[in-house]
Amino acid sequence: MTPAVIHAASYRLDGHDPALKKTLEAAVNNLSAIVKWSFLQTGVLFLLQLLENWLEEKEVFFASFITKAVGVAWNLVTFLMLPVIMLEHNGIIRGVERSWQLFKKSWGEQVVGTVGFDLQGLIIFIPFTIAAIMLAVTMDTLQAGIYTFLGGIGLMQVISSGLHGVWQAALYHYALSKQSPADFIENDFSTAFKSKLIRHRR
């Protein structure tokens, strides 16, 4: 879903109305690279888990923190990988290099914006959790609560995936031009970055 959203959002940011046919064609044309990227991501996560287990066996302090820090760094560096695949039609190796280049141009905006979208997903999830607990208590059955909880998780995943796709497309355009896309409020990106710098200096 995310690759299709990225392509449609990018098309809209370029001033065109996204077409379902072109979006699906773009996803199909880049399917091989998308699948390879998914396998690479899974492989990286697996290797990080192996590394964490090995460090814990060696009784290395902060083993979990070390591997999670590496994982966060990897996710940040490759955050624009899907836009690079969908919009530049790059392969995996060149795509990682290109994503790293774009990351260096927009790392501040990327971090601030990604955290913001994650918080929005959490806000969407909270009401479903409360509703699930209330249903389970008032109806004296776990089934209704479980269904509501699972429905909330599914909805959160769909909305979060869509929001991340739009954000990745917008950030990709911003990294290229250093200008806020037309459909975003002027200074949305630069203001977020400046506020981050101000907090850091304090």
N, C-alpha and C. Protein backbone atom coordinates (compact mmCIF):
# COMPACT_ATOMS: atom_id res chain seq x y z
N MET A 1 0.82 -1.21 0.00
CA MET A 1 0.00 0.00 0.00
C MET A 1 0.86 1.27 0.00
N THR A 2 1.88 1.28 0.84
CA THR A 2 2.70 2.49 0.96
C THR A 2 3.35 2.93 -0.35
N PRO A 3 3.94 2.01 -1.15
CA PRO A 3 4.52 2.44 -2.42
C PRO A 3 3.50 3.11 -3.34
N ALA A 4 2.27 2.58 -3.38
CA ALA A 4 1.23 3.18 -4.21
C ALA A 4 0.86 4.57 -3.70
N VAL A 5 0.76 4.72 -2.38
CA VAL A 5 0.44 6.02 -1.79
C VAL A 5 1.54 7.03 -2.10
N ILE A 6 2.79 6.59 -2.03
CA ILE A 6 3.92 7.48 -2.32
C ILE A 6 3.84 7.99 -3.75
N HIS A 7 3.57 7.09 -4.69
CA HIS A 7 3.49 7.49 -6.10
C HIS A 7 2.33 8.46 -6.32
N ALA A 8 1.15 8.15 -5.76
CA ALA A 8 -0.01 9.02 -5.94
C ALA A 8 0.22 10.38 -5.29
N ALA A 9 0.80 10.39 -4.08
CA ALA A 9 1.06 11.65 -3.38
C ALA A 9 2.08 12.49 -4.14
N SER A 10 3.11 11.85 -4.67
CA SER A 10 4.13 12.58 -5.44
C SER A 10 3.53 13.19 -6.70
N TYR A 11 2.66 12.44 -7.34
CA TYR A 11 1.99 12.94 -8.54
C TYR A 11 1.15 14.16 -8.20
N ARG A 12 0.49 14.11 -7.04
CA ARG A 12 -0.33 15.25 -6.62
C ARG A 12 0.54 16.45 -6.25
N LEU A 13 1.67 16.20 -5.62
CA LEU A 13 2.56 17.29 -5.24
C LEU A 13 3.19 17.97 -6.45
N ASP A 14 3.25 17.25 -7.56
CA ASP A 14 3.75 17.83 -8.81
C ASP A 14 2.69 18.64 -9.53
N GLY A 15 1.48 18.71 -8.93
CA GLY A 15 0.41 19.51 -9.52
C GLY A 15 -0.54 18.74 -10.41
N HIS A 16 -0.45 17.41 -10.40
CA HIS A 16 -1.32 16.58 -11.23
C HIS A 16 -2.30 15.82 -10.35
N ASP A 17 -3.41 15.44 -10.95
CA ASP A 17 -4.36 14.59 -10.24
C ASP A 17 -3.93 13.14 -10.39
N PRO A 18 -3.71 12.44 -9.28
CA PRO A 18 -3.24 11.06 -9.37
C PRO A 18 -4.26 10.15 -10.04
N ALA A 19 -3.79 9.27 -10.90
CA ALA A 19 -4.64 8.32 -11.60
C ALA A 19 -4.36 6.92 -11.07
N LEU A 20 -5.42 6.19 -10.79
CA LEU A 20 -5.28 4.85 -10.22
C LEU A 20 -4.49 3.94 -11.15
N LYS A 21 -4.75 4.05 -12.46
CA LYS A 21 -4.07 3.19 -13.43
C LYS A 21 -2.57 3.41 -13.41
N LYS A 22 -2.15 4.68 -13.42
CA LYS A 22 -0.72 4.98 -13.41
C LYS A 22 -0.06 4.56 -12.10
N THR A 23 -0.80 4.72 -11.01
CA THR A 23 -0.26 4.33 -9.71
C THR A 23 -0.03 2.82 -9.64
N LEU A 24 -1.01 2.05 -10.13
CA LEU A 24 -0.87 0.59 -10.13
C LEU A 24 0.24 0.16 -11.09
N GLU A 25 0.34 0.82 -12.23
CA GLU A 25 1.41 0.49 -13.18
C GLU A 25 2.78 0.74 -12.57
N ALA A 26 2.91 1.85 -11.86
CA ALA A 26 4.20 2.17 -11.21
C ALA A 26 4.55 1.12 -10.16
N ALA A 27 3.54 0.68 -9.39
CA ALA A 27 3.79 -0.34 -8.37
C ALA A 27 4.22 -1.66 -9.01
N VAL A 28 3.56 -2.02 -10.11
CA VAL A 28 3.90 -3.27 -10.80
C VAL A 28 5.30 -3.19 -11.42
N ASN A 29 5.60 -2.06 -12.04
CA ASN A 29 6.91 -1.89 -12.70
C ASN A 29 8.07 -1.94 -11.71
N ASN A 30 7.79 -1.52 -10.48
CA ASN A 30 8.85 -1.52 -9.46
C ASN A 30 8.70 -2.64 -8.45
N LEU A 31 7.85 -3.61 -8.78
CA LEU A 31 7.54 -4.68 -7.83
C LEU A 31 8.79 -5.46 -7.43
N SER A 32 9.66 -5.75 -8.40
CA SER A 32 10.86 -6.52 -8.10
C SER A 32 11.73 -5.83 -7.06
N ALA A 33 11.96 -4.53 -7.25
CA ALA A 33 12.78 -3.77 -6.29
C ALA A 33 12.09 -3.66 -4.94
N ILE A 34 10.76 -3.52 -4.94
CA ILE A 34 10.01 -3.42 -3.69
C ILE A 34 10.14 -4.72 -2.89
N VAL A 35 10.00 -5.85 -3.59
CA VAL A 35 10.11 -7.15 -2.92
C VAL A 35 11.52 -7.36 -2.38
N LYS A 36 12.52 -7.01 -3.18
CA LYS A 36 13.91 -7.15 -2.73
C LYS A 36 14.17 -6.28 -1.51
N TRP A 37 13.61 -5.08 -1.52
CA TRP A 37 13.78 -4.18 -0.39
C TRP A 37 13.12 -4.76 0.87
N SER A 38 11.96 -5.37 0.71
CA SER A 38 11.28 -5.99 1.85
C SER A 38 12.13 -7.11 2.44
N PHE A 39 12.72 -7.92 1.56
CA PHE A 39 13.59 -9.00 2.03
C PHE A 39 14.82 -8.44 2.74
N LEU A 40 15.39 -7.37 2.20
CA LEU A 40 16.57 -6.76 2.83
C LEU A 40 16.22 -6.23 4.21
N GLN A 41 15.08 -5.57 4.33
CA GLN A 41 14.65 -5.05 5.62
C GLN A 41 14.47 -6.18 6.62
N THR A 42 13.85 -7.26 6.18
CA THR A 42 13.66 -8.42 7.07
C THR A 42 15.01 -9.00 7.48
N GLY A 43 15.94 -9.09 6.53
CA GLY A 43 17.27 -9.61 6.82
C GLY A 43 18.02 -8.76 7.82
N VAL A 44 17.91 -7.44 7.69
CA VAL A 44 18.58 -6.53 8.62
C VAL A 44 18.02 -6.71 10.03
N LEU A 45 16.70 -6.80 10.15
CA LEU A 45 16.08 -7.00 11.46
C LEU A 45 16.53 -8.32 12.08
N PHE A 46 16.62 -9.36 11.25
CA PHE A 46 17.06 -10.67 11.73
C PHE A 46 18.51 -10.62 12.23
N LEU A 47 19.38 -9.96 11.46
CA LEU A 47 20.78 -9.84 11.86
C LEU A 47 20.93 -9.02 13.13
N LEU A 48 20.13 -7.98 13.28
CA LEU A 48 20.19 -7.18 14.50
C LEU A 48 19.75 -7.99 15.71
N GLN A 49 18.76 -8.86 15.52
CA GLN A 49 18.33 -9.72 16.62
C GLN A 49 19.42 -10.71 16.99
N LEU A 50 20.08 -11.28 15.97
CA LEU A 50 21.20 -12.18 16.24
C LEU A 50 22.32 -11.46 16.97
N LEU A 51 22.60 -10.23 16.55
CA LEU A 51 23.65 -9.44 17.20
C LEU A 51 23.30 -9.17 18.66
N GLU A 52 22.04 -8.84 18.91
CA GLU A 52 21.61 -8.57 20.29
C GLU A 52 21.76 -9.82 21.15
N ASN A 53 21.36 -10.96 20.62
CA ASN A 53 21.49 -12.21 21.38
C ASN A 53 22.95 -12.52 21.66
N TRP A 54 23.82 -12.29 20.67
CA TRP A 54 25.25 -12.55 20.85
C TRP A 54 25.85 -11.64 21.90
N LEU A 55 25.47 -10.36 21.85
CA LEU A 55 25.99 -9.41 22.84
C LEU A 55 25.52 -9.75 24.24
N GLU A 56 24.28 -10.23 24.36
CA GLU A 56 23.77 -10.60 25.67
C GLU A 56 24.49 -11.83 26.20
N GLU A 57 24.82 -12.76 25.30
CA GLU A 57 25.60 -13.94 25.73
C GLU A 57 26.98 -13.54 26.22
N LYS A 58 27.55 -12.51 25.60
CA LYS A 58 28.86 -12.00 26.01
C LYS A 58 28.76 -11.07 27.21
N GLU A 59 27.52 -10.89 27.70
CA GLU A 59 27.24 -10.02 28.85
C GLU A 59 27.71 -8.59 28.60
N VAL A 60 27.46 -8.12 27.40
CA VAL A 60 27.79 -6.74 27.05
C VAL A 60 26.70 -5.83 27.61
N PHE A 61 27.13 -4.78 28.32
CA PHE A 61 26.16 -3.85 28.87
C PHE A 61 25.44 -3.10 27.74
N PHE A 62 24.16 -2.82 27.96
CA PHE A 62 23.34 -2.06 27.01
C PHE A 62 23.28 -2.74 25.64
N ALA A 63 23.27 -4.07 25.62
CA ALA A 63 23.22 -4.80 24.34
C ALA A 63 21.97 -4.42 23.55
N SER A 64 20.84 -4.39 24.24
CA SER A 64 19.58 -4.05 23.58
C SER A 64 19.61 -2.62 23.06
N PHE A 65 20.18 -1.71 23.86
CA PHE A 65 20.25 -0.31 23.45
C PHE A 65 21.12 -0.15 22.21
N ILE A 66 22.23 -0.87 22.17
CA ILE A 66 23.14 -0.78 21.03
C ILE A 66 22.46 -1.22 19.74
N THR A 67 21.81 -2.38 19.77
CA THR A 67 21.18 -2.89 18.56
C THR A 67 19.99 -2.03 18.14
N LYS A 68 19.24 -1.53 19.12
CA LYS A 68 18.10 -0.67 18.78
C LYS A 68 18.58 0.65 18.19
N ALA A 69 19.70 1.16 18.69
CA ALA A 69 20.26 2.40 18.14
C ALA A 69 20.70 2.19 16.69
N VAL A 70 21.31 1.04 16.43
CA VAL A 70 21.71 0.71 15.06
C VAL A 70 20.48 0.59 14.18
N GLY A 71 19.42 -0.04 14.70
CA GLY A 71 18.19 -0.19 13.95
C GLY A 71 17.54 1.15 13.62
N VAL A 72 17.52 2.04 14.60
CA VAL A 72 16.96 3.37 14.37
C VAL A 72 17.75 4.12 13.32
N ALA A 73 19.08 4.04 13.41
CA ALA A 73 19.94 4.71 12.43
C ALA A 73 19.68 4.16 11.02
N TRP A 74 19.56 2.85 10.91
CA TRP A 74 19.28 2.23 9.61
C TRP A 74 17.94 2.70 9.05
N ASN A 75 16.91 2.75 9.90
CA ASN A 75 15.59 3.18 9.46
C ASN A 75 15.59 4.63 9.00
N LEU A 76 16.36 5.47 9.69
CA LEU A 76 16.43 6.87 9.30
C LEU A 76 17.14 7.05 7.97
N VAL A 77 18.27 6.36 7.82
CA VAL A 77 19.06 6.48 6.59
C VAL A 77 18.28 5.96 5.39
N THR A 78 17.48 4.92 5.59
CA THR A 78 16.74 4.32 4.47
C THR A 78 15.28 4.74 4.43
N PHE A 79 14.94 5.79 5.14
CA PHE A 79 13.53 6.22 5.22
C PHE A 79 12.97 6.59 3.85
N LEU A 80 13.79 7.16 2.99
CA LEU A 80 13.34 7.58 1.66
C LEU A 80 13.61 6.52 0.59
N MET A 81 13.84 5.30 1.02
CA MET A 81 14.13 4.23 0.07
C MET A 81 12.96 3.97 -0.87
N LEU A 82 11.74 3.91 -0.36
CA LEU A 82 10.59 3.64 -1.22
C LEU A 82 10.34 4.77 -2.22
N PRO A 83 10.41 6.04 -1.82
CA PRO A 83 10.29 7.09 -2.84
C PRO A 83 11.37 7.00 -3.91
N VAL A 84 12.58 6.64 -3.51
CA VAL A 84 13.67 6.50 -4.47
C VAL A 84 13.38 5.36 -5.45
N ILE A 85 12.82 4.26 -4.93
CA ILE A 85 12.47 3.13 -5.80
C ILE A 85 11.32 3.50 -6.73
N MET A 86 10.28 4.09 -6.17
CA MET A 86 9.07 4.37 -6.94
C MET A 86 9.24 5.52 -7.93
N LEU A 87 10.02 6.53 -7.56
CA LEU A 87 10.08 7.75 -8.37
C LEU A 87 11.35 7.86 -9.21
N GLU A 88 12.42 7.17 -8.78
CA GLU A 88 13.67 7.22 -9.54
C GLU A 88 14.01 5.86 -10.16
N HIS A 89 13.26 4.85 -9.79
CA HIS A 89 13.43 3.50 -10.36
C HIS A 89 14.84 2.96 -10.13
N ASN A 90 15.37 3.22 -8.94
CA ASN A 90 16.71 2.73 -8.60
C ASN A 90 16.64 1.32 -8.04
N GLY A 91 17.73 0.59 -8.16
CA GLY A 91 17.84 -0.71 -7.54
C GLY A 91 18.17 -0.57 -6.07
N ILE A 92 18.42 -1.70 -5.41
CA ILE A 92 18.62 -1.69 -3.97
C ILE A 92 19.89 -0.95 -3.56
N ILE A 93 21.02 -1.31 -4.14
CA ILE A 93 22.29 -0.70 -3.74
C ILE A 93 22.30 0.79 -4.03
N ARG A 94 21.96 1.14 -5.24
CA ARG A 94 21.91 2.56 -5.61
C ARG A 94 20.82 3.28 -4.81
N GLY A 95 19.75 2.57 -4.51
CA GLY A 95 18.66 3.18 -3.74
C GLY A 95 19.09 3.54 -2.35
N VAL A 96 19.84 2.66 -1.68
CA VAL A 96 20.33 2.96 -0.33
C VAL A 96 21.28 4.16 -0.36
N GLU A 97 22.15 4.19 -1.35
CA GLU A 97 23.07 5.33 -1.49
C GLU A 97 22.30 6.63 -1.70
N ARG A 98 21.29 6.56 -2.55
CA ARG A 98 20.50 7.76 -2.86
C ARG A 98 19.70 8.21 -1.63
N SER A 99 19.13 7.24 -0.90
CA SER A 99 18.38 7.57 0.31
C SER A 99 19.28 8.24 1.34
N TRP A 100 20.53 7.76 1.44
CA TRP A 100 21.50 8.36 2.36
C TRP A 100 21.81 9.80 1.96
N GLN A 101 21.97 10.05 0.66
CA GLN A 101 22.23 11.39 0.18
C GLN A 101 21.08 12.34 0.53
N LEU A 102 19.86 11.87 0.34
CA LEU A 102 18.69 12.70 0.65
C LEU A 102 18.51 12.88 2.15
N PHE A 103 18.87 11.85 2.91
CA PHE A 103 18.77 11.94 4.36
C PHE A 103 19.66 13.06 4.90
N LYS A 104 20.85 13.19 4.35
CA LYS A 104 21.78 14.23 4.80
C LYS A 104 21.23 15.63 4.54
N LYS A 105 20.33 15.75 3.59
CA LYS A 105 19.75 17.05 3.27
C LYS A 105 18.51 17.38 4.12
N SER A 106 17.92 16.36 4.72
CA SER A 106 16.63 16.59 5.38
C SER A 106 16.48 15.81 6.68
N TRP A 107 17.60 15.51 7.35
CA TRP A 107 17.51 14.65 8.53
C TRP A 107 16.68 15.26 9.66
N GLY A 108 16.80 16.56 9.86
CA GLY A 108 16.06 17.20 10.95
C GLY A 108 14.56 17.13 10.74
N GLU A 109 14.12 17.51 9.53
CA GLU A 109 12.71 17.46 9.20
C GLU A 109 12.19 16.03 9.25
N GLN A 110 13.02 15.10 8.83
CA GLN A 110 12.62 13.70 8.79
C GLN A 110 12.35 13.17 10.19
N VAL A 111 13.25 13.44 11.11
CA VAL A 111 13.10 12.95 12.48
C VAL A 111 11.86 13.55 13.13
N VAL A 112 11.72 14.88 13.04
CA VAL A 112 10.59 15.56 13.67
C VAL A 112 9.27 15.09 13.08
N GLY A 113 9.20 15.02 11.76
CA GLY A 113 7.96 14.63 11.10
C GLY A 113 7.58 13.19 11.38
N THR A 114 8.55 12.29 11.38
CA THR A 114 8.27 10.88 11.62
C THR A 114 7.74 10.66 13.03
N VAL A 115 8.34 11.31 14.01
CA VAL A 115 7.86 11.21 15.39
C VAL A 115 6.43 11.73 15.48
N GLY A 116 6.15 12.83 14.78
CA GLY A 116 4.80 13.41 14.79
C GLY A 116 3.77 12.45 14.24
N PHE A 117 4.07 11.78 13.13
CA PHE A 117 3.13 10.83 12.54
C PHE A 117 2.95 9.61 13.43
N ASP A 118 4.01 9.17 14.09
CA ASP A 118 3.89 8.04 15.01
C ASP A 118 2.97 8.39 16.18
N LEU A 119 3.06 9.63 16.66
CA LEU A 119 2.19 10.07 17.74
C LEU A 119 0.74 10.13 17.28
N GLN A 120 0.51 10.55 16.03
CA GLN A 120 -0.85 10.58 15.51
C GLN A 120 -1.44 9.18 15.45
N GLY A 121 -0.62 8.20 15.04
CA GLY A 121 -1.09 6.82 15.01
C GLY A 121 -1.46 6.34 16.40
N LEU A 122 -0.68 6.73 17.41
CA LEU A 122 -0.97 6.35 18.78
C LEU A 122 -2.28 6.97 19.25
N ILE A 123 -2.51 8.23 18.88
CA ILE A 123 -3.75 8.93 19.26
C ILE A 123 -4.96 8.21 18.67
N ILE A 124 -4.84 7.73 17.44
CA ILE A 124 -5.93 7.00 16.80
C ILE A 124 -6.18 5.67 17.52
N PHE A 125 -5.12 5.06 18.03
CA PHE A 125 -5.21 3.74 18.64
C PHE A 125 -5.85 3.78 20.02
N ILE A 126 -5.62 4.86 20.77
CA ILE A 126 -6.08 4.95 22.16
C ILE A 126 -7.59 4.78 22.30
N PRO A 127 -8.44 5.49 21.50
CA PRO A 127 -9.90 5.34 21.66
C PRO A 127 -10.37 3.89 21.46
N PHE A 128 -9.74 3.17 20.52
CA PHE A 128 -10.14 1.78 20.29
C PHE A 128 -9.76 0.90 21.48
N THR A 129 -8.64 1.19 22.11
CA THR A 129 -8.25 0.44 23.30
C THR A 129 -9.24 0.66 24.43
N ILE A 130 -9.62 1.92 24.63
CA ILE A 130 -10.60 2.25 25.68
C ILE A 130 -11.94 1.60 25.39
N ALA A 131 -12.38 1.68 24.11
CA ALA A 131 -13.66 1.08 23.72
C ALA A 131 -13.64 -0.43 23.92
N ALA A 132 -12.50 -1.07 23.60
CA ALA A 132 -12.39 -2.52 23.76
C ALA A 132 -12.52 -2.91 25.23
N ILE A 133 -11.89 -2.16 26.11
CA ILE A 133 -11.96 -2.45 27.54
C ILE A 133 -13.38 -2.25 28.07
N MET A 134 -14.03 -1.16 27.63
CA MET A 134 -15.39 -0.87 28.09
C MET A 134 -16.37 -1.95 27.62
N LEU A 135 -16.22 -2.39 26.36
CA LEU A 135 -17.10 -3.44 25.85
C LEU A 135 -16.89 -4.75 26.59
N ALA A 136 -15.64 -5.07 26.85
CA ALA A 136 -15.34 -6.31 27.56
C ALA A 136 -15.93 -6.30 28.97
N VAL A 137 -15.94 -5.12 29.59
CA VAL A 137 -16.46 -5.00 30.97
C VAL A 137 -17.98 -4.98 30.99
N THR A 138 -18.57 -4.12 30.15
CA THR A 138 -20.03 -3.93 30.18
C THR A 138 -20.78 -5.14 29.63
N MET A 139 -20.23 -5.79 28.60
CA MET A 139 -20.91 -6.94 28.00
C MET A 139 -20.47 -8.26 28.62
N ASP A 140 -19.53 -8.17 29.54
CA ASP A 140 -19.05 -9.34 30.26
C ASP A 140 -18.57 -10.44 29.30
N THR A 141 -17.94 -10.02 28.20
CA THR A 141 -17.38 -10.97 27.25
C THR A 141 -16.13 -10.38 26.62
N LEU A 142 -15.14 -11.22 26.43
CA LEU A 142 -13.90 -10.74 25.84
C LEU A 142 -14.00 -10.66 24.32
N GLN A 143 -14.95 -11.37 23.72
CA GLN A 143 -15.00 -11.45 22.26
C GLN A 143 -15.21 -10.09 21.63
N ALA A 144 -16.20 -9.32 22.14
CA ALA A 144 -16.46 -8.00 21.57
C ALA A 144 -15.26 -7.08 21.76
N GLY A 145 -14.64 -7.16 22.92
CA GLY A 145 -13.47 -6.33 23.18
C GLY A 145 -12.31 -6.68 22.28
N ILE A 146 -12.11 -7.98 22.05
CA ILE A 146 -10.99 -8.42 21.19
C ILE A 146 -11.22 -7.96 19.76
N TYR A 147 -12.46 -8.12 19.27
CA TYR A 147 -12.76 -7.69 17.89
C TYR A 147 -12.56 -6.18 17.72
N THR A 148 -13.00 -5.42 18.71
CA THR A 148 -12.82 -3.97 18.65
C THR A 148 -11.35 -3.60 18.68
N PHE A 149 -10.61 -4.28 19.54
CA PHE A 149 -9.17 -4.02 19.66
C PHE A 149 -8.46 -4.34 18.35
N LEU A 150 -8.78 -5.49 17.76
CA LEU A 150 -8.15 -5.87 16.50
C LEU A 150 -8.56 -4.92 15.37
N GLY A 151 -9.81 -4.49 15.39
CA GLY A 151 -10.26 -3.52 14.39
C GLY A 151 -9.50 -2.20 14.52
N GLY A 152 -9.24 -1.79 15.75
CA GLY A 152 -8.46 -0.57 15.97
C GLY A 152 -7.05 -0.70 15.46
N ILE A 153 -6.44 -1.87 15.69
CA ILE A 153 -5.09 -2.10 15.19
C ILE A 153 -5.05 -2.04 13.67
N GLY A 154 -6.04 -2.70 13.03
CA GLY A 154 -6.09 -2.69 11.57
C GLY A 154 -6.28 -1.29 11.01
N LEU A 155 -7.20 -0.52 11.61
CA LEU A 155 -7.44 0.85 11.15
C LEU A 155 -6.21 1.71 11.35
N MET A 156 -5.54 1.54 12.48
CA MET A 156 -4.34 2.32 12.76
C MET A 156 -3.25 2.02 11.74
N GLN A 157 -3.12 0.74 11.37
CA GLN A 157 -2.10 0.35 10.39
C GLN A 157 -2.39 0.97 9.03
N VAL A 158 -3.66 0.96 8.62
CA VAL A 158 -4.03 1.53 7.32
C VAL A 158 -3.77 3.03 7.28
N ILE A 159 -4.25 3.73 8.32
CA ILE A 159 -4.08 5.18 8.37
C ILE A 159 -2.61 5.55 8.50
N SER A 160 -1.90 4.84 9.37
CA SER A 160 -0.48 5.12 9.57
C SER A 160 0.32 4.89 8.29
N SER A 161 0.00 3.82 7.57
CA SER A 161 0.68 3.53 6.31
C SER A 161 0.43 4.64 5.29
N GLY A 162 -0.83 5.10 5.22
CA GLY A 162 -1.15 6.17 4.29
C GLY A 162 -0.45 7.48 4.64
N LEU A 163 -0.46 7.82 5.92
CA LEU A 163 0.19 9.05 6.37
C LEU A 163 1.70 9.01 6.12
N HIS A 164 2.30 7.87 6.40
CA HIS A 164 3.74 7.74 6.18
C HIS A 164 4.08 7.83 4.69
N GLY A 165 3.22 7.28 3.85
CA GLY A 165 3.45 7.36 2.42
C GLY A 165 3.43 8.80 1.92
N VAL A 166 2.43 9.56 2.39
CA VAL A 166 2.33 10.98 2.01
C VAL A 166 3.53 11.75 2.54
N TRP A 167 3.91 11.47 3.79
CA TRP A 167 5.04 12.16 4.40
C TRP A 167 6.35 11.86 3.68
N GLN A 168 6.55 10.60 3.30
CA GLN A 168 7.76 10.22 2.58
C GLN A 168 7.83 10.92 1.23
N ALA A 169 6.70 10.99 0.53
CA ALA A 169 6.67 11.67 -0.77
C ALA A 169 6.97 13.16 -0.60
N ALA A 170 6.36 13.78 0.40
CA ALA A 170 6.57 15.21 0.63
C ALA A 170 8.01 15.49 1.04
N LEU A 171 8.56 14.64 1.90
CA LEU A 171 9.93 14.83 2.35
C LEU A 171 10.92 14.63 1.20
N TYR A 172 10.61 13.69 0.33
CA TYR A 172 11.45 13.45 -0.85
C TYR A 172 11.48 14.70 -1.72
N HIS A 173 10.33 15.30 -1.96
CA HIS A 173 10.28 16.53 -2.77
C HIS A 173 11.02 17.66 -2.08
N TYR A 174 10.87 17.74 -0.75
CA TYR A 174 11.55 18.80 -0.01
C TYR A 174 13.06 18.63 -0.05
N ALA A 175 13.52 17.38 0.06
CA ALA A 175 14.97 17.12 0.03
C ALA A 175 15.57 17.50 -1.32
N LEU A 176 14.79 17.37 -2.38
CA LEU A 176 15.29 17.72 -3.71
C LEU A 176 15.35 19.22 -3.93
N SER A 177 14.33 19.94 -3.47
CA SER A 177 14.22 21.37 -3.80
C SER A 177 14.44 22.30 -2.61
N LYS A 178 14.38 21.74 -1.37
CA LYS A 178 14.47 22.56 -0.17
C LYS A 178 13.33 23.59 -0.09
N GLN A 179 12.22 23.27 -0.70
CA GLN A 179 11.03 24.10 -0.64
C GLN A 179 9.84 23.25 -0.22
N SER A 180 8.98 23.81 0.63
CA SER A 180 7.81 23.06 1.06
C SER A 180 6.91 22.79 -0.14
N PRO A 181 6.46 21.54 -0.31
CA PRO A 181 5.55 21.23 -1.41
C PRO A 181 4.32 22.12 -1.39
N ALA A 182 3.71 22.32 -2.55
CA ALA A 182 2.61 23.27 -2.69
C ALA A 182 1.43 22.96 -1.77
N ASP A 183 1.16 21.67 -1.53
CA ASP A 183 0.01 21.29 -0.71
C ASP A 183 0.30 21.33 0.78
N PHE A 184 1.51 21.74 1.16
CA PHE A 184 1.85 21.89 2.57
C PHE A 184 1.98 23.37 2.89
N ILE A 185 1.70 23.70 4.15
CA ILE A 185 1.81 25.09 4.57
C ILE A 185 3.26 25.54 4.46
N GLU A 186 3.48 26.71 3.97
CA GLU A 186 4.84 27.24 3.84
C GLU A 186 5.55 27.19 5.18
N ASN A 187 6.79 26.76 5.16
CA ASN A 187 7.64 26.66 6.35
C ASN A 187 7.31 25.47 7.24
N ASP A 188 6.39 24.58 6.81
CA ASP A 188 6.10 23.38 7.61
C ASP A 188 7.38 22.62 7.93
N PHE A 189 8.23 22.46 6.93
CA PHE A 189 9.44 21.67 7.10
C PHE A 189 10.52 22.46 7.83
N SER A 190 10.79 23.66 7.34
CA SER A 190 11.87 24.45 7.94
C SER A 190 11.55 24.84 9.38
N THR A 191 10.29 25.11 9.70
CA THR A 191 9.92 25.47 11.06
C THR A 191 10.16 24.31 12.01
N ALA A 192 9.79 23.11 11.58
CA ALA A 192 10.01 21.92 12.41
C ALA A 192 11.49 21.75 12.70
N PHE A 193 12.32 21.96 11.70
CA PHE A 193 13.76 21.78 11.85
C PHE A 193 14.33 22.85 12.76
N LYS A 194 13.89 24.10 12.59
CA LYS A 194 14.41 25.19 13.41
C LYS A 194 14.04 24.99 14.87
N SER A 195 12.80 24.53 15.14
CA SER A 195 12.39 24.31 16.52
C SER A 195 13.24 23.21 17.15
N LYS A 196 13.60 22.21 16.37
CA LYS A 196 14.46 21.13 16.86
C LYS A 196 15.84 21.68 17.21
N LEU A 197 16.38 22.55 16.38
CA LEU A 197 17.69 23.13 16.65
C LEU A 197 17.67 24.00 17.90
N ILE A 198 16.59 24.76 18.07
CA ILE A 198 16.47 25.64 19.23
C ILE A 198 16.46 24.83 20.50
N ARG A 199 15.66 23.72 20.51
CA ARG A 199 15.60 22.87 21.70
C ARG A 199 16.97 22.26 21.98
N HIS A 200 17.68 21.89 20.93
CA HIS A 200 19.00 21.27 21.10
C HIS A 200 19.99 22.27 21.72
N ARG A 201 19.91 23.52 21.28
CA ARG A 201 20.84 24.53 21.80
C ARG A 201 20.58 24.83 23.25
N ARG A 202 19.30 24.75 23.64
CA ARG A 202 18.95 25.01 25.04
C ARG A 202 19.45 23.89 25.94
